[in-house]
Structure formats: structure tokens, C-alpha cells
PDB file of N, CA and C in Angstrom:
ATOM      1  N   MET A   1      58.446  60.489  78.571  1.00  0.00           N
ATOM      2  CA  MET A   1      57.966  61.589  77.729  1.00  0.00           C
ATOM      3  C   MET A   1      59.135  62.182  76.965  1.00  0.00           C
ATOM      4  N   ASN A   2      58.925  62.470  75.743  1.00  0.00           N
ATOM      5  CA  ASN A   2      59.933  63.067  74.885  1.00  0.00           C
ATOM      6  C   ASN A   2      60.106  64.541  75.269  1.00  0.00           C
ATOM      7  N   PRO A   3      61.321  64.969  75.660  1.00  0.00           N
ATOM      8  CA  PRO A   3      61.496  66.366  76.074  1.00  0.00           C
ATOM      9  C   PRO A   3      61.518  67.347  74.900  1.00  0.00           C
ATOM     10  N   TYR A   4      61.596  66.826  73.699  1.00  0.00           N
ATOM     11  CA  TYR A   4      61.748  67.698  72.538  1.00  0.00           C
ATOM     12  C   TYR A   4      60.451  67.933  71.782  1.00  0.00           C
ATOM     13  N   MET A   5      59.564  66.970  71.814  1.00  0.00           N
ATOM     14  CA  MET A   5      58.307  67.097  71.082  1.00  0.00           C
ATOM     15  C   MET A   5      57.185  66.538  71.946  1.00  0.00           C
ATOM     16  N   ASN A   6      56.085  67.287  72.055  1.00  0.00           N
ATOM     17  CA  ASN A   6      54.940  66.746  72.772  1.00  0.00           C
ATOM     18  C   ASN A   6      54.115  65.865  71.829  1.00  0.00           C
ATOM     19  N   LYS A   7      53.096  65.217  72.366  1.00  0.00           N
ATOM     20  CA  LYS A   7      52.300  64.276  71.572  1.00  0.00           C
ATOM     21  C   LYS A   7      51.699  64.938  70.340  1.00  0.00           C
ATOM     22  N   GLU A   8      51.173  66.141  70.499  1.00  0.00           N
ATOM     23  CA  GLU A   8      50.560  66.851  69.366  1.00  0.00           C
ATOM     24  C   GLU A   8      51.595  67.141  68.282  1.00  0.00           C
ATOM     25  N   GLU A   9      52.793  67.550  68.668  1.00  0.00           N
ATOM     26  CA  GLU A   9      53.851  67.820  67.689  1.00  0.00           C
ATOM     27  C   GLU A   9      54.255  66.545  66.946  1.00  0.00           C
ATOM     28  N   VAL A  10      54.301  65.425  67.661  1.00  0.00           N
ATOM     29  CA  VAL A  10      54.627  64.153  67.016  1.00  0.00           C
ATOM     30  C   VAL A  10      53.567  63.798  65.980  1.00  0.00           C
ATOM     31  N   VAL A  11      52.309  63.902  66.368  1.00  0.00           N
ATOM     32  CA  VAL A  11      51.213  63.572  65.454  1.00  0.00           C
ATOM     33  C   VAL A  11      51.235  64.494  64.243  1.00  0.00           C
ATOM     34  N   GLN A  12      51.393  65.797  64.476  1.00  0.00           N
ATOM     35  CA  GLN A  12      51.407  66.744  63.355  1.00  0.00           C
ATOM     36  C   GLN A  12      52.579  66.492  62.417  1.00  0.00           C
ATOM     37  N   THR A  13      53.727  66.177  62.975  1.00  0.00           N
ATOM     38  CA  THR A  13      54.893  65.883  62.140  1.00  0.00           C
ATOM     39  C   THR A  13      54.642  64.633  61.313  1.00  0.00           C
ATOM     40  N   PHE A  14      54.114  63.600  61.944  1.00  0.00           N
ATOM     41  CA  PHE A  14      53.828  62.365  61.226  1.00  0.00           C
ATOM     42  C   PHE A  14      52.841  62.619  60.100  1.00  0.00           C
ATOM     43  N   LEU A  15      51.739  63.307  60.412  1.00  0.00           N
ATOM     44  CA  LEU A  15      50.727  63.577  59.389  1.00  0.00           C
ATOM     45  C   LEU A  15      51.271  64.445  58.263  1.00  0.00           C
ATOM     46  N   SER A  16      52.116  65.409  58.591  1.00  0.00           N
ATOM     47  CA  SER A  16      52.674  66.261  57.538  1.00  0.00           C
ATOM     48  C   SER A  16      53.619  65.473  56.642  1.00  0.00           C
ATOM     49  N   GLN A  17      54.318  64.502  57.195  1.00  0.00           N
ATOM     50  CA  GLN A  17      55.213  63.672  56.385  1.00  0.00           C
ATOM     51  C   GLN A  17      54.410  62.784  55.439  1.00  0.00           C
ATOM     52  N   ILE A  18      53.291  62.245  55.908  1.00  0.00           N
ATOM     53  CA  ILE A  18      52.451  61.421  55.048  1.00  0.00           C
ATOM     54  C   ILE A  18      51.866  62.271  53.930  1.00  0.00           C
ATOM     55  N   ALA A  19      51.341  63.436  54.281  1.00  0.00           N
ATOM     56  CA  ALA A  19      50.671  64.281  53.298  1.00  0.00           C
ATOM     57  C   ALA A  19      51.625  64.809  52.250  1.00  0.00           C
ATOM     58  N   VAL A  20      52.862  65.075  52.613  1.00  0.00           N
ATOM     59  CA  VAL A  20      53.773  65.752  51.708  1.00  0.00           C
ATOM     60  C   VAL A  20      54.748  64.807  51.028  1.00  0.00           C
ATOM     61  N   HIS A  21      55.255  63.818  51.744  1.00  0.00           N
ATOM     62  CA  HIS A  21      56.407  63.090  51.234  1.00  0.00           C
ATOM     63  C   HIS A  21      56.187  61.638  50.859  1.00  0.00           C
ATOM     64  N   LEU A  22      55.180  61.003  51.381  1.00  0.00           N
ATOM     65  CA  LEU A  22      55.065  59.569  51.176  1.00  0.00           C
ATOM     66  C   LEU A  22      54.164  59.235  50.001  1.00  0.00           C
ATOM     67  N   ASP A  23      54.388  58.055  49.463  1.00  0.00           N
ATOM     68  CA  ASP A  23      53.555  57.573  48.368  1.00  0.00           C
ATOM     69  C   ASP A  23      52.132  57.363  48.852  1.00  0.00           C
ATOM     70  N   GLU A  24      51.206  57.368  47.939  1.00  0.00           N
ATOM     71  CA  GLU A  24      49.795  57.250  48.266  1.00  0.00           C
ATOM     72  C   GLU A  24      49.434  55.919  48.907  1.00  0.00           C
ATOM     73  N   ASN A  25      50.149  54.856  48.598  1.00  0.00           N
ATOM     74  CA  ASN A  25      49.768  53.541  49.122  1.00  0.00           C
ATOM     75  C   ASN A  25      50.088  53.371  50.601  1.00  0.00           C
ATOM     76  N   HIS A  26      50.888  54.242  51.174  1.00  0.00           N
ATOM     77  CA  HIS A  26      51.242  54.243  52.593  1.00  0.00           C
ATOM     78  C   HIS A  26      51.817  52.922  53.080  1.00  0.00           C
ATOM     79  N   GLU A  27      52.444  52.201  52.188  1.00  0.00           N
ATOM     80  CA  GLU A  27      53.215  51.040  52.609  1.00  0.00           C
ATOM     81  C   GLU A  27      54.571  51.582  53.028  1.00  0.00           C
ATOM     82  N   PHE A  28      54.928  51.372  54.265  1.00  0.00           N
ATOM     83  CA  PHE A  28      56.103  52.022  54.823  1.00  0.00           C
ATOM     84  C   PHE A  28      57.382  51.294  54.425  1.00  0.00           C
ATOM     85  N   SER A  29      57.925  51.730  53.321  1.00  0.00           N
ATOM     86  CA  SER A  29      59.201  51.202  52.861  1.00  0.00           C
ATOM     87  C   SER A  29      60.314  51.793  53.725  1.00  0.00           C
ATOM     88  N   PRO A  30      61.515  51.229  53.650  1.00  0.00           N
ATOM     89  CA  PRO A  30      62.628  51.833  54.389  1.00  0.00           C
ATOM     90  C   PRO A  30      62.832  53.305  54.037  1.00  0.00           C
ATOM     91  N   GLU A  31      62.614  53.640  52.783  1.00  0.00           N
ATOM     92  CA  GLU A  31      62.761  55.040  52.365  1.00  0.00           C
ATOM     93  C   GLU A  31      61.697  55.920  53.023  1.00  0.00           C
ATOM     94  N   ASP A  32      60.464  55.402  53.110  1.00  0.00           N
ATOM     95  CA  ASP A  32      59.391  56.149  53.764  1.00  0.00           C
ATOM     96  C   ASP A  32      59.701  56.361  55.242  1.00  0.00           C
ATOM     97  N   LEU A  33      60.162  55.294  55.888  1.00  0.00           N
ATOM     98  CA  LEU A  33      60.506  55.411  57.311  1.00  0.00           C
ATOM     99  C   LEU A  33      61.639  56.400  57.519  1.00  0.00           C
ATOM    100  N   GLU A  34      62.578  56.432  56.596  1.00  0.00           N
ATOM    101  CA  GLU A  34      63.671  57.401  56.685  1.00  0.00           C
ATOM    102  C   GLU A  34      63.133  58.828  56.544  1.00  0.00           C
ATOM    103  N   LYS A  35      62.183  59.026  55.640  1.00  0.00           N
ATOM    104  CA  LYS A  35      61.578  60.352  55.471  1.00  0.00           C
ATOM    105  C   LYS A  35      60.840  60.778  56.739  1.00  0.00           C
ATOM    106  N   ILE A  36      60.103  59.844  57.347  1.00  0.00           N
ATOM    107  CA  ILE A  36      59.383  60.159  58.585  1.00  0.00           C
ATOM    108  C   ILE A  36      60.369  60.502  59.698  1.00  0.00           C
ATOM    109  N   ALA A  37      61.407  59.681  59.837  1.00  0.00           N
ATOM    110  CA  ALA A  37      62.413  59.937  60.879  1.00  0.00           C
ATOM    111  C   ALA A  37      63.066  61.295  60.668  1.00  0.00           C
ATOM    112  N   HIS A  38      63.397  61.611  59.443  1.00  0.00           N
ATOM    113  CA  HIS A  38      64.000  62.915  59.139  1.00  0.00           C
ATOM    114  C   HIS A  38      63.048  64.040  59.523  1.00  0.00           C
ATOM    115  N   GLY A  39      61.771  63.857  59.243  1.00  0.00           N
ATOM    116  CA  GLY A  39      60.779  64.870  59.612  1.00  0.00           C
ATOM    117  C   GLY A  39      60.725  65.098  61.110  1.00  0.00           C
ATOM    118  N   PHE A  40      60.774  64.009  61.898  1.00  0.00           N
ATOM    119  CA  PHE A  40      60.773  64.141  63.348  1.00  0.00           C
ATOM    120  C   PHE A  40      62.039  64.826  63.834  1.00  0.00           C
ATOM    121  N   ILE A  41      63.156  64.458  63.270  1.00  0.00           N
ATOM    122  CA  ILE A  41      64.429  65.081  63.668  1.00  0.00           C
ATOM    123  C   ILE A  41      64.388  66.572  63.389  1.00  0.00           C
ATOM    124  N   MET A  42      63.940  66.948  62.213  1.00  0.00           N
ATOM    125  CA  MET A  42      63.903  68.370  61.863  1.00  0.00           C
ATOM    126  C   MET A  42      62.884  69.131  62.712  1.00  0.00           C
ATOM    127  N   ALA A  43      61.778  68.491  63.055  1.00  0.00           N
ATOM    128  CA  ALA A  43      60.779  69.152  63.899  1.00  0.00           C
ATOM    129  C   ALA A  43      61.310  69.366  65.315  1.00  0.00           C
ATOM    130  N   ALA A  44      62.106  68.426  65.813  1.00  0.00           N
ATOM    131  CA  ALA A  44      62.645  68.530  67.172  1.00  0.00           C
ATOM    132  C   ALA A  44      63.924  69.358  67.243  1.00  0.00           C
ATOM    133  N   MET A  45      64.569  69.596  66.118  1.00  0.00           N
ATOM    134  CA  MET A  45      65.891  70.230  66.099  1.00  0.00           C
ATOM    135  C   MET A  45      65.958  71.571  66.847  1.00  0.00           C
ATOM    136  N   PRO A  46      65.016  72.492  66.686  1.00  0.00           N
ATOM    137  CA  PRO A  46      65.130  73.762  67.426  1.00  0.00           C
ATOM    138  C   PRO A  46      65.165  73.564  68.942  1.00  0.00           C
ATOM    139  N   LYS A  47      64.365  72.638  69.459  1.00  0.00           N
ATOM    140  CA  LYS A  47      64.368  72.393  70.901  1.00  0.00           C
ATOM    141  C   LYS A  47      65.658  71.706  71.333  1.00  0.00           C
ATOM    142  N   ILE A  48      66.171  70.799  70.503  1.00  0.00           N
ATOM    143  CA  ILE A  48      67.435  70.129  70.807  1.00  0.00           C
ATOM    144  C   ILE A  48      68.566  71.149  70.873  1.00  0.00           C
ATOM    145  N   VAL A  49      68.623  72.025  69.888  1.00  0.00           N
ATOM    146  CA  VAL A  49      69.675  73.043  69.841  1.00  0.00           C
ATOM    147  C   VAL A  49      69.586  73.957  71.061  1.00  0.00           C
ATOM    148  N   LYS A  50      68.364  74.382  71.404  1.00  0.00           N
ATOM    149  CA  LYS A  50      68.200  75.273  72.569  1.00  0.00           C
ATOM    150  C   LYS A  50      68.626  74.574  73.849  1.00  0.00           C
ATOM    151  N   LEU A  51      68.215  73.324  74.031  1.00  0.00           N
ATOM    152  CA  LEU A  51      68.591  72.597  75.239  1.00  0.00           C
ATOM    153  C   LEU A  51      70.104  72.449  75.329  1.00  0.00           C
ATOM    154  N   GLU A  52      70.748  72.096  74.238  1.00  0.00           N
ATOM    155  CA  GLU A  52      72.208  71.954  74.227  1.00  0.00           C
ATOM    156  C   GLU A  52      72.891  73.286  74.533  1.00  0.00           C
ATOM    157  N   ARG A  53      72.374  74.367  73.958  1.00  0.00           N
ATOM    158  CA  ARG A  53      72.936  75.690  74.215  1.00  0.00           C
ATOM    159  C   ARG A  53      72.788  76.065  75.679  1.00  0.00           C
ATOM    160  N   ASP A  54      71.604  75.811  76.243  1.00  0.00           N
ATOM    161  CA  ASP A  54      71.368  76.122  77.653  1.00  0.00           C
ATOM    162  C   ASP A  54      72.280  75.301  78.568  1.00  0.00           C
ATOM    163  N   LEU A  55      72.454  74.016  78.252  1.00  0.00           N
ATOM    164  CA  LEU A  55      73.346  73.171  79.047  1.00  0.00           C
ATOM    165  C   LEU A  55      74.790  73.652  78.962  1.00  0.00           C
ATOM    166  N   CYS A  56      75.203  74.076  77.783  1.00  0.00           N
ATOM    167  CA  CYS A  56      76.557  74.604  77.598  1.00  0.00           C
ATOM    168  C   CYS A  56      76.754  75.868  78.438  1.00  0.00           C
ATOM    169  N   ILE A  57      75.791  76.766  78.391  1.00  0.00           N
ATOM    170  CA  ILE A  57      75.887  78.005  79.162  1.00  0.00           C
ATOM    171  C   ILE A  57      75.925  77.700  80.657  1.00  0.00           C
ATOM    172  N   ASP A  58      75.109  76.746  81.099  1.00  0.00           N
ATOM    173  CA  ASP A  58      75.120  76.362  82.516  1.00  0.00           C
ATOM    174  C   ASP A  58      76.477  75.807  82.924  1.00  0.00           C
ATOM    175  N   PHE A  59      77.071  74.981  82.069  1.00  0.00           N
ATOM    176  CA  PHE A  59      78.380  74.421  82.373  1.00  0.00           C
ATOM    177  C   PHE A  59      79.435  75.521  82.438  1.00  0.00           C
ATOM    178  N   VAL A  60      79.433  76.408  81.456  1.00  0.00           N
ATOM    179  CA  VAL A  60      80.398  77.509  81.442  1.00  0.00           C
ATOM    180  C   VAL A  60      80.190  78.382  82.675  1.00  0.00           C
ATOM    181  N   ARG A  61      78.940  78.598  83.063  1.00  0.00           N
ATOM    182  CA  ARG A  61      78.645  79.409  84.247  1.00  0.00           C
ATOM    183  C   ARG A  61      79.267  78.780  85.503  1.00  0.00           C
ATOM    184  N   SER A  62      79.305  77.449  85.556  1.00  0.00           N
ATOM    185  CA  SER A  62      79.901  76.787  86.723  1.00  0.00           C
ATOM    186  C   SER A  62      81.410  77.018  86.790  1.00  0.00           C
ATOM    187  N   LEU A  63      82.011  77.391  85.661  1.00  0.00           N
ATOM    188  CA  LEU A  63      83.450  77.644  85.619  1.00  0.00           C
ATOM    189  C   LEU A  63      83.790  79.130  85.694  1.00  0.00           C
ATOM    190  N   ASN A  64      82.970  79.957  85.023  1.00  0.00           N
ATOM    191  CA  ASN A  64      83.281  81.380  84.936  1.00  0.00           C
ATOM    192  C   ASN A  64      81.997  82.131  84.586  1.00  0.00           C
ATOM    193  N   THR A  65      81.452  82.853  85.558  1.00  0.00           N
ATOM    194  CA  THR A  65      80.177  83.523  85.335  1.00  0.00           C
ATOM    195  C   THR A  65      80.252  84.640  84.301  1.00  0.00           C
ATOM    196  N   GLN A  66      81.375  85.327  84.234  1.00  0.00           N
ATOM    197  CA  GLN A  66      81.495  86.417  83.260  1.00  0.00           C
ATOM    198  C   GLN A  66      81.492  85.875  81.836  1.00  0.00           C
ATOM    199  N   VAL A  67      82.204  84.797  81.612  1.00  0.00           N
ATOM    200  CA  VAL A  67      82.223  84.188  80.287  1.00  0.00           C
ATOM    201  C   VAL A  67      80.834  83.652  79.944  1.00  0.00           C
ATOM    202  N   ALA A  68      80.171  83.032  80.915  1.00  0.00           N
ATOM    203  CA  ALA A  68      78.827  82.510  80.673  1.00  0.00           C
ATOM    204  C   ALA A  68      77.837  83.626  80.341  1.00  0.00           C
ATOM    205  N   ASP A  69      77.949  84.743  81.047  1.00  0.00           N
ATOM    206  CA  ASP A  69      77.064  85.878  80.749  1.00  0.00           C
ATOM    207  C   ASP A  69      77.297  86.380  79.334  1.00  0.00           C
ATOM    208  N   ALA A  70      78.566  86.460  78.928  1.00  0.00           N
ATOM    209  CA  ALA A  70      78.881  86.909  77.571  1.00  0.00           C
ATOM    210  C   ALA A  70      78.386  85.907  76.538  1.00  0.00           C
ATOM    211  N   LEU A  71      78.547  84.627  76.813  1.00  0.00           N
ATOM    212  CA  LEU A  71      78.067  83.582  75.910  1.00  0.00           C
ATOM    213  C   LEU A  71      76.564  83.618  75.789  1.00  0.00           C
ATOM    214  N   GLN A  72      75.879  83.793  76.900  1.00  0.00           N
ATOM    215  CA  GLN A  72      74.432  83.872  76.877  1.00  0.00           C
ATOM    216  C   GLN A  72      73.958  85.102  76.124  1.00  0.00           C
ATOM    217  N   ALA A  73      74.637  86.216  76.308  1.00  0.00           N
ATOM    218  CA  ALA A  73      74.262  87.437  75.587  1.00  0.00           C
ATOM    219  C   ALA A  73      74.439  87.252  74.095  1.00  0.00           C
ATOM    220  N   LYS A  74      75.450  86.511  73.710  1.00  0.00           N
ATOM    221  CA  LYS A  74      75.735  86.306  72.284  1.00  0.00           C
ATOM    222  C   LYS A  74      74.879  85.207  71.671  1.00  0.00           C
ATOM    223  N   ARG A  75      74.685  84.086  72.387  1.00  0.00           N
ATOM    224  CA  ARG A  75      74.076  82.913  71.805  1.00  0.00           C
ATOM    225  C   ARG A  75      72.823  82.401  72.524  1.00  0.00           C
ATOM    226  N   GLY A  76      72.569  82.897  73.721  1.00  0.00           N
ATOM    227  CA  GLY A  76      71.527  82.292  74.546  1.00  0.00           C
ATOM    228  C   GLY A  76      70.110  82.518  74.099  1.00  0.00           C
ATOM    229  N   ASN A  77      69.842  83.573  73.387  1.00  0.00           N
ATOM    230  CA  ASN A  77      68.451  83.903  73.050  1.00  0.00           C
ATOM    231  C   ASN A  77      68.113  83.669  71.589  1.00  0.00           C
ATOM    232  N   LEU A  78      68.887  82.829  70.917  1.00  0.00           N
ATOM    233  CA  LEU A  78      68.602  82.563  69.505  1.00  0.00           C
ATOM    234  C   LEU A  78      67.492  81.576  69.341  1.00  0.00           C
TER     235      LEU A  78
END
């Protein structure tokens, strides 16, 4: 299972890319596939960023809880 996008998000992203960016003939050229891939990346990006931020805070917490608390206060809830 993809930790960044659930099945519904994948389907919605795919459909939005077809509706907005792809040619009407829906023959998937390399350019079309690149547009679809970019759409998936951008749709998943907020979850990727949050997961990376959370992992960073957890790692810092293992070294210094005060620094981790300050980092979380500054960056953890974005």
C-alpha cells in the first residue's frame, strides 16, 4: 500500500490529469506519462514532506529532546 496516497487519491489524481492536461485522444505518449507522474508526485508531496519532517523530529528527539521540541514547535505543525 502506498503510504502517501490512498486508492481514491490515486484515481482522482489520474482523472484530474486526464481532464486537465492530456490530449483528447488519450494515447499515452512519454510526455503524457510525464504529466501524469508529475501530478501524482505533486498530489503526494504534502504527505511526503510531513513524513520526512516527522522522521527528522523523531531522530533529533533521540539525540536531544529540547532541540526536538523547539524544532517541532517551529516546523512540526506546518
